[in-house]
């Protein structure tokens, strides 16, 4: 059993998928099913490096924020009405949080580079969270975006020589895949709410940003990742059965994920040349 749990495929994909399926199955009638996303990532981290928060490295800050996101989401989803500025405020706070995550790196740069790098990452994180939150009432689009973002972030990290972020991205995809499988099996979509989409948007943005800052992901892959939640929001398959809608949303989201992956691949070719 120990050797099985040490298998990278089990740590990054199989175990997170099983955990997400268990949580999603138990809570499938509520938005709390989307706690599966954070649980999938936590499972991958626990099996690979272990969960710890001291010293508070960039990777541990990311995990801390991803674990906090669904708790914030639960509080927001419980409210019958929200102020109009809730979504912009969450996006802006997510952008500010990204600066905190990477401050140890940013603080070592010259002021112009620090401002450009920190501002760019903050803007990307805010945009990703804003686009993800637009999907909070659509279980098909939210699940499709989660799977595609996890695949795109994970494979882009692999191409950029970041094995840890590859595993984290695949774990997110596994969590989203579990929820898509449940929605397909039940022929009923479960809205992700803030619980699901704040977690997905923040996790995908921060892991991608970490691959850019700490590994070899080209900067232009980050804005291309924004195409994924934007594509998932397209009303393709509207009016069709629930299962067909799931398939349409997933196909479109995965097609959009090809753009950042192509950018990462071309960057590796350029370095090799």
Foldseek 3Di string as FASTA:
>chain_A
DLVVLQDLCCLQAVVLLVQLLVLCVVQVVALSSLLSLLVLLQSSCCSHPRQDCPPPALVNLLNVVLNVQLVVQVVVVPDPDDDPCPLLVLLQVLLVSLCVSCVVVLVVDDPVVSCVLSVLLSVLLSLLLSLLQVQQAPQLLNLLLQLQLLCLQLLLLVLQVNNVLNSSSSSSNSSSVSQLVVCLVVQHGYGNTSSNRNSSSSSSSSSSSCSVRVTGQDPVLSVLSSVLSVQLPDCPPPPHGSNVNNVVSNVRNNVSSVVSSVSSNVSSVVVVD
